[in-house]
Amino acid sequence: MEVKVKLYTLLKKYGEGKIGNDGLLSLPEDETLQGLSEYLSIPKKRGKVFLVNGMPKDAKHRLCNGDEVKILSFIGGG
């Protein structure tokens, strides 16, 4: 299946060489957001938020062909 993936802020580097210029990424059927995160080698300890088709989802959410996924990291400040 193909999903469109957009990474933000500190996470952009994890998509280099894996996500096409059009943002498309081929994944196995029924892949989860956690599996996507692992494929992109995003560290588990890095705080992140997943949005699928504009709605927040947890890491166990199963993706479908054509989904649009945005992954954002938590940024702390002081």
PDB file of N, CA and C in Angstrom:
ATOM      1  N   MET A   1       0.848  -1.182   0.000  1.00  0.00           N
ATOM      2  CA  MET A   1       0.000   0.000   0.000  1.00  0.00           C
ATOM      3  C   MET A   1       0.887   1.236   0.000  1.00  0.00           C
ATOM      4  N   GLU A   2       0.322   2.341  -0.426  1.00  0.00           N
ATOM      5  CA  GLU A   2       1.059   3.606  -0.412  1.00  0.00           C
ATOM      6  C   GLU A   2       0.369   4.598   0.507  1.00  0.00           C
ATOM      7  N   VAL A   3       1.181   5.276   1.311  1.00  0.00           N
ATOM      8  CA  VAL A   3       0.684   6.356   2.163  1.00  0.00           C
ATOM      9  C   VAL A   3       1.541   7.587   1.905  1.00  0.00           C
ATOM     10  N   LYS A   4       0.964   8.735   2.145  1.00  0.00           N
ATOM     11  CA  LYS A   4       1.704   9.986   2.013  1.00  0.00           C
ATOM     12  C   LYS A   4       2.165  10.388   3.402  1.00  0.00           C
ATOM     13  N   VAL A   5       3.463  10.639   3.537  1.00  0.00           N
ATOM     14  CA  VAL A   5       4.049  10.917   4.852  1.00  0.00           C
ATOM     15  C   VAL A   5       4.729  12.278   4.843  1.00  0.00           C
ATOM     16  N   LYS A   6       4.444  13.061   5.866  1.00  0.00           N
ATOM     17  CA  LYS A   6       5.079  14.369   6.051  1.00  0.00           C
ATOM     18  C   LYS A   6       5.661  14.405   7.455  1.00  0.00           C
ATOM     19  N   LEU A   7       6.961  14.673   7.532  1.00  0.00           N
ATOM     20  CA  LEU A   7       7.649  14.782   8.822  1.00  0.00           C
ATOM     21  C   LEU A   7       7.952  16.248   9.104  1.00  0.00           C
ATOM     22  N   TYR A   8       7.848  16.643  10.362  1.00  0.00           N
ATOM     23  CA  TYR A   8       8.048  18.038  10.745  1.00  0.00           C
ATOM     24  C   TYR A   8       9.207  18.174  11.723  1.00  0.00           C
ATOM     25  N   THR A   9       9.751  19.368  11.771  1.00  0.00           N
ATOM     26  CA  THR A   9      10.808  19.808  12.687  1.00  0.00           C
ATOM     27  C   THR A   9      11.974  18.823  12.720  1.00  0.00           C
ATOM     28  N   LEU A  10      12.333  18.377  13.910  1.00  0.00           N
ATOM     29  CA  LEU A  10      13.503  17.520  14.098  1.00  0.00           C
ATOM     30  C   LEU A  10      13.361  16.148  13.450  1.00  0.00           C
ATOM     31  N   LEU A  11      12.163  15.782  13.032  1.00  0.00           N
ATOM     32  CA  LEU A  11      11.935  14.458  12.465  1.00  0.00           C
ATOM     33  C   LEU A  11      12.220  14.384  10.968  1.00  0.00           C
ATOM     34  N   LYS A  12      12.363  15.515  10.303  1.00  0.00           N
ATOM     35  CA  LYS A  12      12.562  15.522   8.849  1.00  0.00           C
ATOM     36  C   LYS A  12      13.723  14.640   8.409  1.00  0.00           C
ATOM     37  N   LYS A  13      14.780  14.618   9.178  1.00  0.00           N
ATOM     38  CA  LYS A  13      15.981  13.863   8.794  1.00  0.00           C
ATOM     39  C   LYS A  13      15.716  12.364   8.680  1.00  0.00           C
ATOM     40  N   TYR A  14      14.720  11.843   9.387  1.00  0.00           N
ATOM     41  CA  TYR A  14      14.443  10.410   9.357  1.00  0.00           C
ATOM     42  C   TYR A  14      13.783   9.951   8.052  1.00  0.00           C
ATOM     43  N   GLY A  15      13.265  10.875   7.278  1.00  0.00           N
ATOM     44  CA  GLY A  15      12.641  10.517   6.007  1.00  0.00           C
ATOM     45  C   GLY A  15      13.582  10.541   4.827  1.00  0.00           C
ATOM     46  N   GLU A  16      14.767  11.114   5.018  1.00  0.00           N
ATOM     47  CA  GLU A  16      15.716  11.256   3.912  1.00  0.00           C
ATOM     48  C   GLU A  16      16.091   9.891   3.349  1.00  0.00           C
ATOM     49  N   GLY A  17      15.914   9.748   2.042  1.00  0.00           N
ATOM     50  CA  GLY A  17      16.236   8.505   1.357  1.00  0.00           C
ATOM     51  C   GLY A  17      15.184   7.419   1.492  1.00  0.00           C
ATOM     52  N   LYS A  18      14.130   7.674   2.242  1.00  0.00           N
ATOM     53  CA  LYS A  18      13.077   6.669   2.442  1.00  0.00           C
ATOM     54  C   LYS A  18      11.740   7.129   1.874  1.00  0.00           C
ATOM     55  N   ILE A  19      11.466   8.427   2.005  1.00  0.00           N
ATOM     56  CA  ILE A  19      10.209   8.987   1.510  1.00  0.00           C
ATOM     57  C   ILE A  19      10.507   9.691   0.199  1.00  0.00           C
ATOM     58  N   GLY A  20       9.710   9.410  -0.832  1.00  0.00           N
ATOM     59  CA  GLY A  20       9.913  10.031  -2.133  1.00  0.00           C
ATOM     60  C   GLY A  20       9.665  11.524  -2.104  1.00  0.00           C
ATOM     61  N   ASN A  21      10.103  12.217  -3.153  1.00  0.00           N
ATOM     62  CA  ASN A  21       9.898  13.664  -3.257  1.00  0.00           C
ATOM     63  C   ASN A  21       8.423  14.038  -3.217  1.00  0.00           C
ATOM     64  N   ASP A  22       7.570  13.112  -3.663  1.00  0.00           N
ATOM     65  CA  ASP A  22       6.130  13.356  -3.643  1.00  0.00           C
ATOM     66  C   ASP A  22       5.509  13.023  -2.287  1.00  0.00           C
ATOM     67  N   GLY A  23       6.338  12.571  -1.342  1.00  0.00           N
ATOM     68  CA  GLY A  23       5.858  12.243  -0.006  1.00  0.00           C
ATOM     69  C   GLY A  23       5.313  10.835   0.118  1.00  0.00           C
ATOM     70  N   LEU A  24       5.325  10.064  -0.979  1.00  0.00           N
ATOM     71  CA  LEU A  24       4.748   8.723  -0.947  1.00  0.00           C
ATOM     72  C   LEU A  24       5.749   7.696  -0.436  1.00  0.00           C
ATOM     73  N   LEU A  25       5.198   6.731   0.279  1.00  0.00           N
ATOM     74  CA  LEU A  25       5.996   5.666   0.862  1.00  0.00           C
ATOM     75  C   LEU A  25       5.199   4.373   0.727  1.00  0.00           C
ATOM     76  N   SER A  26       5.843   3.325   0.234  1.00  0.00           N
ATOM     77  CA  SER A  26       5.200   2.009   0.128  1.00  0.00           C
ATOM     78  C   SER A  26       5.442   1.229   1.408  1.00  0.00           C
ATOM     79  N   LEU A  27       4.361   0.681   1.953  1.00  0.00           N
ATOM     80  CA  LEU A  27       4.421  -0.083   3.201  1.00  0.00           C
ATOM     81  C   LEU A  27       3.638  -1.378   3.037  1.00  0.00           C
ATOM     82  N   PRO A  28       3.921  -2.386   3.869  1.00  0.00           N
ATOM     83  CA  PRO A  28       3.108  -3.603   3.852  1.00  0.00           C
ATOM     84  C   PRO A  28       1.664  -3.298   4.253  1.00  0.00           C
ATOM     85  N   GLU A  29       0.730  -4.095   3.755  1.00  0.00           N
ATOM     86  CA  GLU A  29      -0.679  -3.935   4.133  1.00  0.00           C
ATOM     87  C   GLU A  29      -0.836  -4.022   5.641  1.00  0.00           C
ATOM     88  N   ASP A  30      -1.762  -3.248   6.175  1.00  0.00           N
ATOM     89  CA  ASP A  30      -2.098  -3.242   7.611  1.00  0.00           C
ATOM     90  C   ASP A  30      -0.951  -2.803   8.513  1.00  0.00           C
ATOM     91  N   GLU A  31       0.004  -2.033   7.990  1.00  0.00           N
ATOM     92  CA  GLU A  31       1.097  -1.512   8.821  1.00  0.00           C
ATOM     93  C   GLU A  31       0.521  -0.531   9.842  1.00  0.00           C
ATOM     94  N   THR A  32       1.131  -0.489  11.017  1.00  0.00           N
ATOM     95  CA  THR A  32       0.697   0.442  12.061  1.00  0.00           C
ATOM     96  C   THR A  32       1.577   1.695  12.037  1.00  0.00           C
ATOM     97  N   LEU A  33       1.149   2.716  12.753  1.00  0.00           N
ATOM     98  CA  LEU A  33       1.971   3.912  12.891  1.00  0.00           C
ATOM     99  C   LEU A  33       3.272   3.586  13.610  1.00  0.00           C
ATOM    100  N   GLN A  34       3.227   2.671  14.553  1.00  0.00           N
ATOM    101  CA  GLN A  34       4.446   2.254  15.247  1.00  0.00           C
ATOM    102  C   GLN A  34       5.410   1.603  14.259  1.00  0.00           C
ATOM    103  N   GLY A  35       4.893   0.749  13.381  1.00  0.00           N
ATOM    104  CA  GLY A  35       5.722   0.112  12.369  1.00  0.00           C
ATOM    105  C   GLY A  35       6.326   1.130  11.413  1.00  0.00           C
ATOM    106  N   LEU A  36       5.541   2.129  11.040  1.00  0.00           N
ATOM    107  CA  LEU A  36       6.046   3.205  10.188  1.00  0.00           C
ATOM    108  C   LEU A  36       7.169   3.950  10.896  1.00  0.00           C
ATOM    109  N   SER A  37       6.975   4.271  12.156  1.00  0.00           N
ATOM    110  CA  SER A  37       7.980   4.972  12.940  1.00  0.00           C
ATOM    111  C   SER A  37       9.269   4.160  13.035  1.00  0.00           C
ATOM    112  N   GLU A  38       9.138   2.849  13.210  1.00  0.00           N
ATOM    113  CA  GLU A  38      10.309   1.974  13.277  1.00  0.00           C
ATOM    114  C   GLU A  38      11.002   1.904  11.916  1.00  0.00           C
ATOM    115  N   TYR A  39      10.228   1.823  10.832  1.00  0.00           N
ATOM    116  CA  TYR A  39      10.810   1.792   9.489  1.00  0.00           C
ATOM    117  C   TYR A  39      11.637   3.054   9.230  1.00  0.00           C
ATOM    118  N   LEU A  40      11.145   4.187   9.718  1.00  0.00           N
ATOM    119  CA  LEU A  40      11.845   5.459   9.526  1.00  0.00           C
ATOM    120  C   LEU A  40      12.988   5.636  10.535  1.00  0.00           C
ATOM    121  N   SER A  41      13.143   4.688  11.450  1.00  0.00           N
ATOM    122  CA  SER A  41      14.193   4.724  12.487  1.00  0.00           C
ATOM    123  C   SER A  41      14.064   5.922  13.421  1.00  0.00           C
ATOM    124  N   ILE A  42      12.831   6.324  13.706  1.00  0.00           N
ATOM    125  CA  ILE A  42      12.594   7.397  14.670  1.00  0.00           C
ATOM    126  C   ILE A  42      12.721   6.771  16.066  1.00  0.00           C
ATOM    127  N   PRO A  43      13.618   7.277  16.900  1.00  0.00           N
ATOM    128  CA  PRO A  43      13.809   6.686  18.232  1.00  0.00           C
ATOM    129  C   PRO A  43      12.509   6.651  19.040  1.00  0.00           C
ATOM    130  N   LYS A  44      12.312   5.539  19.754  1.00  0.00           N
ATOM    131  CA  LYS A  44      11.103   5.384  20.572  1.00  0.00           C
ATOM    132  C   LYS A  44      11.000   6.458  21.640  1.00  0.00           C
ATOM    133  N   LYS A  45      12.154   6.885  22.172  1.00  0.00           N
ATOM    134  CA  LYS A  45      12.130   7.866  23.260  1.00  0.00           C
ATOM    135  C   LYS A  45      11.801   9.279  22.783  1.00  0.00           C
ATOM    136  N   ARG A  46      11.850   9.517  21.464  1.00  0.00           N
ATOM    137  CA  ARG A  46      11.526  10.849  20.949  1.00  0.00           C
ATOM    138  C   ARG A  46      10.011  11.013  20.983  1.00  0.00           C
ATOM    139  N   GLY A  47       9.541  12.037  21.676  1.00  0.00           N
ATOM    140  CA  GLY A  47       8.104  12.292  21.743  1.00  0.00           C
ATOM    141  C   GLY A  47       7.566  12.681  20.382  1.00  0.00           C
ATOM    142  N   LYS A  48       6.452  12.090  19.999  1.00  0.00           N
ATOM    143  CA  LYS A  48       5.883  12.399  18.697  1.00  0.00           C
ATOM    144  C   LYS A  48       4.369  12.307  18.726  1.00  0.00           C
ATOM    145  N   VAL A  49       3.759  13.023  17.795  1.00  0.00           N
ATOM    146  CA  VAL A  49       2.317  13.025  17.619  1.00  0.00           C
ATOM    147  C   VAL A  49       2.035  12.560  16.206  1.00  0.00           C
ATOM    148  N   PHE A  50       1.079  11.635  16.070  1.00  0.00           N
ATOM    149  CA  PHE A  50       0.678  11.150  14.759  1.00  0.00           C
ATOM    150  C   PHE A  50      -0.678  11.742  14.380  1.00  0.00           C
ATOM    151  N   LEU A  51      -0.774  12.252  13.166  1.00  0.00           N
ATOM    152  CA  LEU A  51      -2.046  12.681  12.602  1.00  0.00           C
ATOM    153  C   LEU A  51      -2.274  11.859  11.335  1.00  0.00           C
ATOM    154  N   VAL A  52      -3.427  11.224  11.240  1.00  0.00           N
ATOM    155  CA  VAL A  52      -3.784  10.462  10.048  1.00  0.00           C
ATOM    156  C   VAL A  52      -5.032  11.102   9.463  1.00  0.00           C
ATOM    157  N   ASN A  53      -4.910  11.577   8.244  1.00  0.00           N
ATOM    158  CA  ASN A  53      -6.012  12.285   7.581  1.00  0.00           C
ATOM    159  C   ASN A  53      -6.552  13.406   8.466  1.00  0.00           C
ATOM    160  N   GLY A  54      -5.630  14.076   9.161  1.00  0.00           N
ATOM    161  CA  GLY A  54      -5.979  15.235   9.981  1.00  0.00           C
ATOM    162  C   GLY A  54      -6.457  14.927  11.386  1.00  0.00           C
ATOM    163  N   MET A  55      -6.534  13.654  11.753  1.00  0.00           N
ATOM    164  CA  MET A  55      -7.030  13.276  13.076  1.00  0.00           C
ATOM    165  C   MET A  55      -5.922  12.628  13.895  1.00  0.00           C
ATOM    166  N   PRO A  56      -5.790  12.982  15.188  1.00  0.00           N
ATOM    167  CA  PRO A  56      -4.758  12.358  16.027  1.00  0.00           C
ATOM    168  C   PRO A  56      -5.048  10.865  16.219  1.00  0.00           C
ATOM    169  N   LYS A  57      -3.988  10.067  16.140  1.00  0.00           N
ATOM    170  CA  LYS A  57      -4.116   8.614  16.312  1.00  0.00           C
ATOM    171  C   LYS A  57      -2.978   8.110  17.183  1.00  0.00           C
ATOM    172  N   ASP A  58      -3.197   6.971  17.849  1.00  0.00           N
ATOM    173  CA  ASP A  58      -2.120   6.391  18.652  1.00  0.00           C
ATOM    174  C   ASP A  58      -1.263   5.473  17.784  1.00  0.00           C
ATOM    175  N   ALA A  59      -0.150   5.026  18.328  1.00  0.00           N
ATOM    176  CA  ALA A  59       0.843   4.266  17.572  1.00  0.00           C
ATOM    177  C   ALA A  59       0.321   2.920  17.083  1.00  0.00           C
ATOM    178  N   LYS A  60      -0.739   2.391  17.671  1.00  0.00           N
ATOM    179  CA  LYS A  60      -1.276   1.094  17.269  1.00  0.00           C
ATOM    180  C   LYS A  60      -2.260   1.193  16.105  1.00  0.00           C
ATOM    181  N   HIS A  61      -2.545   2.407  15.659  1.00  0.00           N
ATOM    182  CA  HIS A  61      -3.487   2.620  14.557  1.00  0.00           C
ATOM    183  C   HIS A  61      -2.978   1.954  13.285  1.00  0.00           C
ATOM    184  N   ARG A  62      -3.842   1.199  12.612  1.00  0.00           N
ATOM    185  CA  ARG A  62      -3.482   0.535  11.356  1.00  0.00           C
ATOM    186  C   ARG A  62      -3.754   1.478  10.187  1.00  0.00           C
ATOM    187  N   LEU A  63      -2.772   1.577   9.312  1.00  0.00           N
ATOM    188  CA  LEU A  63      -2.878   2.462   8.162  1.00  0.00           C
ATOM    189  C   LEU A  63      -3.615   1.782   7.012  1.00  0.00           C
ATOM    190  N   CYS A  64      -4.198   2.611   6.142  1.00  0.00           N
ATOM    191  CA  CYS A  64      -4.890   2.136   4.942  1.00  0.00           C
ATOM    192  C   CYS A  64      -4.268   2.803   3.723  1.00  0.00           C
ATOM    193  N   ASN A  65      -4.400   2.148   2.584  1.00  0.00           N
ATOM    194  CA  ASN A  65      -3.887   2.705   1.339  1.00  0.00           C
ATOM    195  C   ASN A  65      -4.457   4.110   1.125  1.00  0.00           C
ATOM    196  N   GLY A  66      -3.584   5.044   0.801  1.00  0.00           N
ATOM    197  CA  GLY A  66      -4.015   6.412   0.523  1.00  0.00           C
ATOM    198  C   GLY A  66      -4.061   7.332   1.728  1.00  0.00           C
ATOM    199  N   ASP A  67      -3.794   6.811   2.928  1.00  0.00           N
ATOM    200  CA  ASP A  67      -3.789   7.667   4.118  1.00  0.00           C
ATOM    201  C   ASP A  67      -2.715   8.745   4.000  1.00  0.00           C
ATOM    202  N   GLU A  68      -2.979   9.882   4.619  1.00  0.00           N
ATOM    203  CA  GLU A  68      -2.002  10.960   4.733  1.00  0.00           C
ATOM    204  C   GLU A  68      -1.577  11.039   6.194  1.00  0.00           C
ATOM    205  N   VAL A  69      -0.288  10.816   6.427  1.00  0.00           N
ATOM    206  CA  VAL A  69       0.250  10.756   7.786  1.00  0.00           C
ATOM    207  C   VAL A  69       1.177  11.941   8.017  1.00  0.00           C
ATOM    208  N   LYS A  70       0.964  12.628   9.120  1.00  0.00           N
ATOM    209  CA  LYS A  70       1.865  13.693   9.543  1.00  0.00           C
ATOM    210  C   LYS A  70       2.421  13.285  10.905  1.00  0.00           C
ATOM    211  N   ILE A  71       3.743  13.419  11.045  1.00  0.00           N
ATOM    212  CA  ILE A  71       4.379  13.078  12.318  1.00  0.00           C
ATOM    213  C   ILE A  71       5.113  14.321  12.811  1.00  0.00           C
ATOM    214  N   LEU A  72       4.743  14.743  14.005  1.00  0.00           N
ATOM    215  CA  LEU A  72       5.337  15.934  14.617  1.00  0.00           C
ATOM    216  C   LEU A  72       6.037  15.544  15.892  1.00  0.00           C
ATOM    217  N   SER A  73       7.097  16.245  16.232  1.00  0.00           N
ATOM    218  CA  SER A  73       7.801  15.970  17.485  1.00  0.00           C
ATOM    219  C   SER A  73       7.407  17.022  18.522  1.00  0.00           C
ATOM    220  N   PHE A  74       7.505  16.609  19.786  1.00  0.00           N
ATOM    221  CA  PHE A  74       7.318  17.551  20.875  1.00  0.00           C
ATOM    222  C   PHE A  74       8.554  18.431  20.939  1.00  0.00           C
ATOM    223  N   ILE A  75       8.355  19.706  21.099  1.00  0.00           N
ATOM    224  CA  ILE A  75       9.476  20.632  21.241  1.00  0.00           C
ATOM    225  C   ILE A  75       9.310  21.349  22.571  1.00  0.00           C
ATOM    226  N   GLY A  76      10.327  21.249  23.387  1.00  0.00           N
ATOM    227  CA  GLY A  76      10.293  21.915  24.692  1.00  0.00           C
ATOM    228  C   GLY A  76      10.911  23.288  24.608  1.00  0.00           C
ATOM    229  N   GLY A  77      10.530  24.114  25.508  1.00  0.00           N
ATOM    230  CA  GLY A  77      11.102  25.453  25.556  1.00  0.00           C
ATOM    231  C   GLY A  77      11.163  25.927  26.995  1.00  0.00           C
ATOM    232  N   GLY A  78      11.686  27.097  27.166  1.00  0.00           N
ATOM    233  CA  GLY A  78      11.793  27.557  28.539  1.00  0.00           C
ATOM    234  C   GLY A  78      11.780  29.051  28.644  1.00  0.00           C
TER     235      GLY A  78
END
